[in-house]
Protein backbone atom coordinates (compact mmCIF):
# COMPACT_ATOMS: atom_id res chain seq x y z
CA MET A 1 35.21 -2.26 29.92
CA ILE A 2 34.82 -5.60 29.01
CA LEU A 3 38.38 -5.73 27.58
CA VAL A 4 39.93 -4.55 30.55
CA LEU A 5 37.87 -6.25 33.12
CA ALA A 6 38.41 -9.91 31.37
CA ILE A 7 42.13 -9.66 31.34
CA PRO A 8 43.15 -10.34 34.97
CA ALA A 9 41.74 -14.31 34.81
CA ILE A 10 44.00 -14.75 32.27
CA PHE A 11 47.36 -14.82 34.91
CA PHE A 12 46.15 -16.75 37.30
CA ASP A 13 44.93 -20.56 37.92
CA GLU A 14 43.41 -21.99 41.13
CA SER A 15 43.28 -25.60 39.65
CA GLY A 16 47.26 -25.58 38.26
CA ARG A 17 46.09 -27.79 35.13
CA VAL A 18 45.09 -25.13 32.76
CA ALA A 19 47.03 -25.48 29.15
CA PRO A 20 47.29 -22.14 27.25
CA ILE A 21 45.32 -23.91 24.50
CA GLU A 22 42.38 -23.72 27.38
CA VAL A 23 43.04 -20.29 28.04
CA ARG A 24 42.34 -19.45 24.42
CA PHE A 25 39.38 -21.91 24.05
CA ASN A 26 37.39 -20.24 26.93
CA ILE A 27 38.30 -16.03 26.47
CA LEU A 28 38.76 -15.40 22.74
CA GLY A 29 35.01 -15.73 22.81
CA LEU A 30 34.31 -13.20 24.97
CA LEU A 31 37.09 -10.88 24.01
CA ASN A 32 35.58 -10.87 20.49
CA ILE A 33 31.62 -9.60 22.54
CA GLY A 34 34.04 -7.28 23.59
CA PHE A 35 35.69 -5.92 20.00
CA ALA A 36 32.28 -6.51 18.31
CA ILE A 37 30.78 -4.15 20.58
CA TRP A 38 33.42 -1.62 20.84
CA PHE A 39 32.52 -2.01 16.29
CA PHE A 40 29.34 -1.86 16.17
CA SER A 41 28.64 0.77 18.55
CA SER A 42 30.49 3.40 16.52
CA LEU A 43 28.53 2.81 13.57
CA LYS A 44 24.85 4.91 12.84
CA ILE A 45 22.70 2.78 10.36
CA ASN A 46 18.97 2.64 9.75
CA LEU A 47 16.21 -0.11 9.30
CA ARG A 48 17.22 -0.42 5.77
CA THR A 49 20.32 -1.04 6.14
CA LEU A 50 20.55 -3.44 9.43
CA VAL A 51 17.58 -5.49 7.40
CA GLY A 52 19.81 -5.49 3.94
CA TRP A 53 22.47 -7.38 6.12
CA SER A 54 20.55 -10.71 6.35
CA LYS A 55 21.87 -11.13 2.92
CA LEU A 56 25.65 -11.05 3.95
CA LEU A 57 24.18 -13.03 7.44
CA ILE A 58 22.78 -15.87 5.10
CA TYR A 59 25.41 -16.91 2.78
CA PRO A 60 27.44 -19.22 5.19
CA ILE A 61 24.59 -20.31 6.56
CA VAL A 62 23.19 -21.27 2.96
CA SER A 63 27.16 -23.25 3.13
CA VAL A 64 26.48 -25.10 6.17
CA LEU A 65 22.67 -26.06 5.70
CA VAL A 66 23.93 -27.38 2.24
CA PHE A 67 26.95 -29.22 3.68
CA THR A 68 24.63 -30.68 6.56
CA ILE A 69 22.33 -32.00 4.21
CA ILE A 70 25.01 -33.50 1.67
CA ARG A 71 26.40 -35.41 4.71
CA THR A 72 23.10 -36.89 6.25
CA PRO A 73 22.50 -40.36 5.10
CA ASP A 74 19.18 -41.53 4.05
CA LEU A 75 16.73 -40.76 6.86
CA ASP A 76 15.54 -44.33 7.11
CA SER A 77 18.74 -45.28 8.45
CA VAL A 78 19.39 -42.60 11.04
CA ASP A 79 18.92 -43.64 14.68
CA PHE A 80 16.47 -40.88 16.19
CA SER A 81 17.31 -41.24 19.57
CA LEU A 82 16.64 -38.53 22.79
CA GLY A 83 19.89 -36.92 22.73
CA ALA A 84 22.00 -34.78 20.18
CA ASN A 85 22.07 -36.70 16.68
CA PHE A 86 25.54 -35.89 14.96
CA SER A 87 24.49 -37.67 11.66
CA THR A 88 22.21 -34.73 10.84
CA SER A 89 24.33 -32.20 11.47
CA GLY A 90 27.20 -33.13 9.28
CA GLY A 91 29.52 -34.88 11.89
CA PHE A 92 30.03 -31.44 13.85
CA GLY A 93 28.85 -30.54 17.20
CA SER A 94 25.03 -30.39 16.65
CA ASN A 95 24.50 -27.84 19.12
CA GLN A 96 26.71 -25.18 17.33
CA VAL A 97 25.37 -26.06 13.71
CA SER A 98 21.75 -26.04 15.19
CA THR A 99 22.48 -22.34 16.67
CA ILE A 100 23.86 -21.14 13.13
CA LEU A 101 20.64 -22.62 11.46
CA GLY A 102 18.09 -21.51 13.96
CA LEU A 103 20.12 -18.06 13.37
CA GLY A 104 19.18 -18.88 9.31
CA VAL A 105 15.42 -19.33 10.32
CA PHE A 106 15.04 -16.39 12.22
CA LEU A 107 16.93 -14.22 9.37
CA THR A 108 15.03 -15.97 6.24
CA ALA A 109 11.41 -15.51 8.64
CA ALA A 110 11.93 -11.88 9.63
CA CYS A 111 12.72 -11.33 5.95
CA ILE A 112 9.33 -12.59 4.57
CA LEU A 113 7.70 -10.71 7.15
CA LEU A 114 9.22 -7.54 5.96
CA ASN A 115 8.59 -8.69 2.15
CA TYR A 116 12.73 -8.30 1.60
CA ARG A 117 13.23 -10.77 -0.84
CA LEU A 118 16.61 -12.87 0.36
CA THR A 119 16.94 -14.96 -2.78
CA GLY A 120 15.14 -12.66 -5.22
CA PHE A 121 11.86 -14.78 -5.13
CA ARG A 122 9.07 -15.31 -2.50
CA TRP A 123 8.84 -18.77 -3.13
CA MET A 124 12.80 -19.49 -2.76
CA ASP A 125 12.65 -17.76 0.59
CA PHE A 126 9.55 -20.29 1.68
CA VAL A 127 11.74 -22.96 0.26
CA LEU A 128 14.85 -21.99 2.05
CA LEU A 129 12.86 -21.45 5.21
CA LEU A 130 11.70 -24.78 4.91
CA LEU A 131 15.50 -26.58 4.38
CA LEU A 132 16.76 -24.49 7.26
CA THR A 133 13.99 -25.52 9.72
CA THR A 134 13.38 -29.04 8.75
CA GLN A 135 17.87 -29.61 9.06
CA GLY A 136 17.77 -27.55 12.23
CA LEU A 137 15.10 -29.37 13.82
CA LEU A 138 16.63 -32.52 13.00
CA THR A 139 19.77 -32.26 14.78
CA PHE A 140 17.92 -32.51 17.95
CA SER A 141 19.54 -30.05 19.77
CA ARG A 142 16.94 -27.68 21.00
CA GLY A 143 18.96 -24.43 22.17
CA GLY A 144 19.45 -22.77 18.12
CA MET A 145 15.74 -23.33 16.98
CA ILE A 146 14.26 -21.94 20.47
CA GLY A 147 16.46 -19.06 19.81
CA GLY A 148 15.69 -18.63 16.09
CA ILE A 149 11.80 -19.13 17.01
CA LEU A 150 11.93 -16.47 19.64
CA GLY A 151 13.61 -14.32 17.53
CA VAL A 152 10.85 -14.76 14.96
CA LEU A 153 8.01 -14.03 17.35
CA VAL A 154 9.84 -11.22 18.90
CA MET A 155 9.34 -9.80 15.21
CA ILE A 156 6.04 -10.74 15.05
CA TYR A 157 5.34 -8.78 18.30
CA TYR A 158 7.07 -5.69 17.36
CA LEU A 159 5.17 -5.65 13.90
CA THR A 160 1.93 -5.62 15.46
CA LYS A 161 2.79 -2.46 17.24
CA LEU A 162 3.54 -0.64 13.81
CA SER A 163 0.55 2.31 13.07
CA MET A 164 -0.57 2.25 9.50
CA ALA A 165 0.77 6.04 9.62
CA GLU A 166 4.37 4.12 10.19
CA ARG A 167 4.70 0.87 7.64
CA LYS A 168 3.57 3.24 5.01
CA ARG A 169 6.83 6.04 6.25
CA LEU A 170 8.98 2.56 6.61
CA SER A 171 7.77 1.39 3.25
CA ILE A 172 6.70 -1.81 5.32
CA PRO A 173 3.70 -3.64 3.64
CA ASN A 174 0.87 -5.41 5.36
CA PHE A 175 2.73 -7.92 7.47
CA LYS A 176 -0.61 -9.71 8.38
CA LYS A 177 -0.81 -11.32 5.00
CA PHE A 178 2.60 -12.73 6.00
CA VAL A 179 2.32 -13.77 9.41
CA LEU A 180 -0.57 -16.52 9.67
CA PRO A 181 1.06 -18.57 6.29
CA LEU A 182 4.66 -18.12 7.60
CA VAL A 183 2.92 -19.72 11.39
CA VAL A 184 1.16 -22.42 9.79
CA PHE A 185 4.39 -22.87 7.67
CA LEU A 186 6.46 -23.46 10.34
CA PHE A 187 3.61 -25.52 12.22
CA ILE A 188 3.21 -27.84 9.40
CA VAL A 189 7.29 -28.33 8.93
CA ALA A 190 7.55 -28.68 12.93
CA ALA A 191 5.05 -31.84 12.17
CA VAL A 192 6.34 -33.45 9.54
CA ALA A 193 9.78 -33.47 10.98
CA ASN A 194 8.41 -34.93 14.22
CA SER A 195 6.71 -37.92 11.63
CA ILE A 196 10.04 -38.65 10.07
CA THR A 197 11.63 -39.12 13.81
CA GLY A 198 8.62 -41.19 14.49
CA GLY A 199 7.80 -38.61 17.03
CA MET A 200 11.16 -38.61 18.79
CA LEU A 201 11.63 -35.00 18.03
CA LEU A 202 8.62 -33.74 20.02
CA LEU A 203 9.42 -36.06 23.00
CA ARG A 204 13.03 -34.24 22.68
CA TYR A 205 11.54 -30.63 22.87
CA MET A 206 9.52 -31.96 26.43
CA GLY A 207 12.90 -32.39 27.45
CA GLU A 208 12.12 -36.48 28.23
CA THR A 209 15.18 -39.07 28.06
CA GLN A 210 15.49 -42.47 27.43
CA GLY A 211 15.71 -42.79 31.32
CA THR A 212 12.42 -40.59 31.91
CA LEU A 213 10.56 -42.75 29.52
CA THR A 214 11.41 -46.08 30.93
CA GLY A 215 11.19 -44.96 34.48
CA THR A 216 14.54 -45.39 35.70
CA ALA A 217 15.44 -41.59 36.06
CA ASP A 218 13.29 -38.58 37.17
CA LYS A 219 12.58 -35.62 35.16
CA SER A 220 14.76 -32.69 36.71
CA LEU A 221 15.54 -29.42 35.73
CA ASP A 222 18.94 -31.26 34.98
CA LYS A 223 17.61 -34.12 32.78
CA ILE A 224 15.79 -31.44 30.81
CA THR A 225 18.94 -29.57 30.29
CA SER A 226 21.41 -31.92 29.69
CA ASN A 227 23.29 -31.49 32.83
CA ARG A 228 23.68 -27.78 31.78
CA ALA A 229 21.83 -26.49 34.75
CA GLY A 230 23.87 -28.85 37.05
CA LEU A 231 26.68 -26.94 35.65
CA PHE A 232 25.08 -23.74 36.56
CA VAL A 233 25.07 -24.76 40.06
CA LYS A 234 28.52 -25.68 40.51
CA ASP A 235 29.96 -22.64 38.77
CA ILE A 236 28.14 -20.18 41.22
CA GLU A 237 29.40 -23.01 44.28
CA LEU A 238 32.79 -21.77 42.61
CA PHE A 239 31.75 -18.13 42.69
CA VAL A 240 30.71 -18.12 46.30
CA GLU A 241 34.47 -19.85 47.16
CA TYR A 242 36.17 -17.24 44.91
CA PRO A 243 34.32 -14.04 45.08
CA VAL A 244 37.03 -11.88 44.02
CA MET A 245 38.60 -12.90 41.35
CA GLY A 246 37.20 -16.00 40.37
CA VAL A 247 39.52 -19.12 39.97
CA GLY A 248 41.17 -18.05 36.57
CA VAL A 249 40.34 -19.01 32.99
CA GLY A 250 39.57 -22.30 31.98
CA ALA A 251 39.77 -24.11 35.65
CA SER A 252 36.39 -24.41 36.52
CA THR A 253 36.59 -27.57 33.96
CA TYR A 254 38.93 -29.09 36.83
CA LEU A 255 37.52 -27.88 40.09
CA ARG A 256 33.65 -28.65 39.73
CA GLU A 257 32.34 -31.09 41.49
CA ASP A 258 30.20 -34.06 40.13
CA PHE A 259 31.21 -32.45 36.71
CA LYS A 260 35.53 -32.70 36.72
CA GLY A 261 36.52 -32.58 33.06
CA TYR A 262 33.24 -30.52 31.55
CA ALA A 263 34.02 -27.37 29.27
CA PRO A 264 31.81 -24.80 30.26
CA HIS A 265 28.60 -24.75 28.59
CA ILE A 266 26.74 -21.28 30.15
CA GLU A 267 28.85 -18.27 29.63
CA LEU A 268 27.02 -16.37 32.41
CA SER A 269 28.19 -18.75 34.98
CA ARG A 270 31.26 -19.25 33.43
CA LEU A 271 31.98 -15.52 33.81
CA LEU A 272 31.41 -15.63 37.60
CA ALA A 273 33.26 -18.91 38.25
CA GLU A 274 36.59 -17.60 36.37
CA HIS A 275 36.55 -14.06 37.11
CA GLY A 276 34.32 -13.62 40.25
CA ILE A 277 32.89 -10.14 40.91
CA LEU A 278 34.32 -8.82 37.25
CA GLY A 279 32.43 -11.50 35.62
CA LEU A 280 29.44 -10.14 36.90
CA LEU A 281 30.45 -6.44 35.82
CA ILE A 282 31.20 -7.82 32.54
CA PHE A 283 27.25 -9.22 31.97
CA SER A 284 25.89 -6.06 33.48
CA VAL A 285 27.98 -4.09 30.80
CA PHE A 286 26.42 -6.17 28.07
CA ILE A 287 22.71 -5.78 29.03
CA ALA A 288 23.27 -1.83 29.89
CA VAL A 289 24.63 -1.47 26.63
CA PHE A 290 22.15 -3.18 24.50
CA ILE A 291 19.55 -1.54 27.06
CA LEU A 292 20.81 1.82 26.12
CA ASN A 293 21.42 1.51 22.30
CA LYS A 294 17.78 -0.06 21.66
CA ASN A 295 15.90 2.72 23.10
CA LYS A 296 17.58 5.36 21.21
CA ALA A 297 16.40 3.04 18.10
CA PRO A 298 13.55 5.41 16.63
CA GLU A 299 11.01 2.90 15.55
CA ASN A 300 9.31 0.01 16.86
CA ILE A 301 10.40 -1.96 14.25
CA SER A 302 14.22 -1.36 14.42
CA ARG A 303 13.40 -2.10 18.27
CA GLY A 304 12.45 -5.07 17.50
CA PHE A 305 15.00 -6.40 15.34
CA LEU A 306 17.81 -5.41 17.84
CA LEU A 307 15.86 -7.06 20.77
CA ALA A 308 15.83 -10.66 18.58
CA CYS A 309 19.80 -10.28 17.36
CA PHE A 310 20.34 -9.89 21.08
CA ILE A 311 18.00 -12.31 22.36
CA ILE A 312 19.19 -15.12 19.78
CA GLY A 313 23.38 -14.09 20.77
CA PHE A 314 22.51 -14.17 24.23
CA LEU A 315 20.75 -17.39 24.44
CA ALA A 316 23.44 -18.77 22.53
CA THR A 317 25.36 -18.49 25.41
CA PHE A 318 23.43 -20.82 27.88
CA HIS A 319 23.73 -23.64 25.72
CA SER A 320 27.28 -23.62 23.94
CA ALA A 321 28.94 -20.84 26.19
CA THR A 322 30.80 -18.33 23.15
CA ARG A 323 31.93 -21.22 20.72
CA THR A 324 30.39 -19.70 17.79
CA TYR A 325 30.76 -16.46 16.33
CA ILE A 326 27.20 -15.78 16.23
CA THR A 327 27.37 -14.56 19.85
CA PRO A 328 29.65 -12.16 19.47
CA LEU A 329 28.07 -10.86 15.82
CA LEU A 330 24.39 -10.36 17.23
CA MET A 331 25.35 -9.03 20.84
CA GLY A 332 27.95 -6.41 18.68
CA ILE A 333 24.79 -5.93 15.47
CA SER A 334 22.29 -5.12 18.65
CA SER A 335 24.47 -2.36 20.03
CA VAL A 336 24.56 -0.35 16.55
CA LEU A 337 23.10 3.14 17.10
CA MET A 338 19.55 2.72 14.86
CA VAL A 339 18.99 6.51 13.07
CA ASN A 340 15.08 7.45 11.25
CA MET A 341 14.86 5.97 8.23
CA ALA A 342 14.98 9.84 6.84
CA LYS A 343 18.51 9.95 7.35
CA ARG A 344 19.45 8.27 4.59
CA ASN A 345 22.43 8.72 2.17
CA VAL A 346 21.27 9.10 -1.44
CA LYS A 347 23.44 9.06 -4.65
CA GLN A 348 22.95 12.16 -6.86
CA ALA A 349 20.49 11.59 -9.51
CA PRO A 350 21.79 12.46 -13.09
CA ALA A 351 21.16 16.00 -14.24
CA GLY A 352 17.47 16.39 -15.95
CA ASN A 353 16.43 13.04 -14.14
CA PRO A 354 13.45 13.13 -11.25
CA LYS A 355 14.83 12.19 -7.91
CA PRO A 356 14.41 8.74 -6.72
CA MET A 357 11.23 7.56 -5.19
CA PRO A 358 12.04 5.53 -1.40
CA LEU A 359 11.40 1.66 -2.04
CA SER A 360 10.17 -0.89 -0.27
CA PHE A 361 12.47 -3.60 1.41
CA GLY A 362 12.09 -6.18 -1.75
CA GLN A 363 12.61 -3.30 -4.52
CA GLU A 364 15.95 -2.15 -3.74
CA GLU A 365 18.05 -4.42 -6.16
CA ASN A 366 17.88 -2.66 -9.09
CA SER A 367 17.64 0.57 -8.05
CA ARG A 368 20.08 3.94 -8.17
CA VAL A 369 19.13 4.24 -4.64
CA SER A 370 21.92 3.53 -1.73
CA TYR A 371 21.31 2.62 1.81
């Protein structure tokens, strides 16, 4: 449905100015979401497999982290102002880099809570979390880091809903011994990062700008969201004017009053402006597929992991549209069909050996058991 509904807006342009490269720029992310949901919704996996995917997800994130650290100059020479910082994002779009690092924060923190060792050592997992959080905060792009922290909070909430019997059945240790240290750790990291920036980091997350601090500009939703609220309103106005088929893929850039030349930043409003009522249907399909699949998950913590993935991928569309593959990937993962942990594939043990026992999340490395 997503793929079919997205096609019509490719073939017309109300502005008469859209180049083919702009069509690709705006439509491929949406098509990727459709293909990702199509693929992942065909998979049946259990919680252990889902959490195990974290290692595959974290490898490219670590490469981004290392690159940005190498490219970051001496922090004493960095000018931390109340805007996105390209010096600490490796010279690339700070929004996209922040989104990638925020996902890394979520994955690392979630694995710590579930006692699953990403690096093989607990202390190294905390070091990785320290570096991801610090570098992500120093980009001064808020959306990606907020999404990652929300994902962590979702995991904590769903872990609190697990009974002792469920924790035992899922081989999840008492997570409470990790929650307080994790929260304190993240708070200390944020405080240190704020100190490094001379207090500018806190002001940035409070929505302050140079203008609001000096009194030359009023603090408004548009200021707090770095013009995204204004873009959203103008996209809605285009939707009202062209409600049936929209203005065509890429055309909103040239038709918005006051924001001409601005690329779409919010995928929801882009869908409405450029695809019309079909865009609203596409958005509804996103929500419906996720809700249907999440409700089928057999355990609370499985639902929590799926919800966290969906939130991070979905929130990224409100500040970066679909400019990173994180959105299609996570929205796809959130649509997998979760099965009970009892339904796992166990390799046949050699004759004469006892049947392997179930393992906790942090012990699978040297096991004969394959999930």
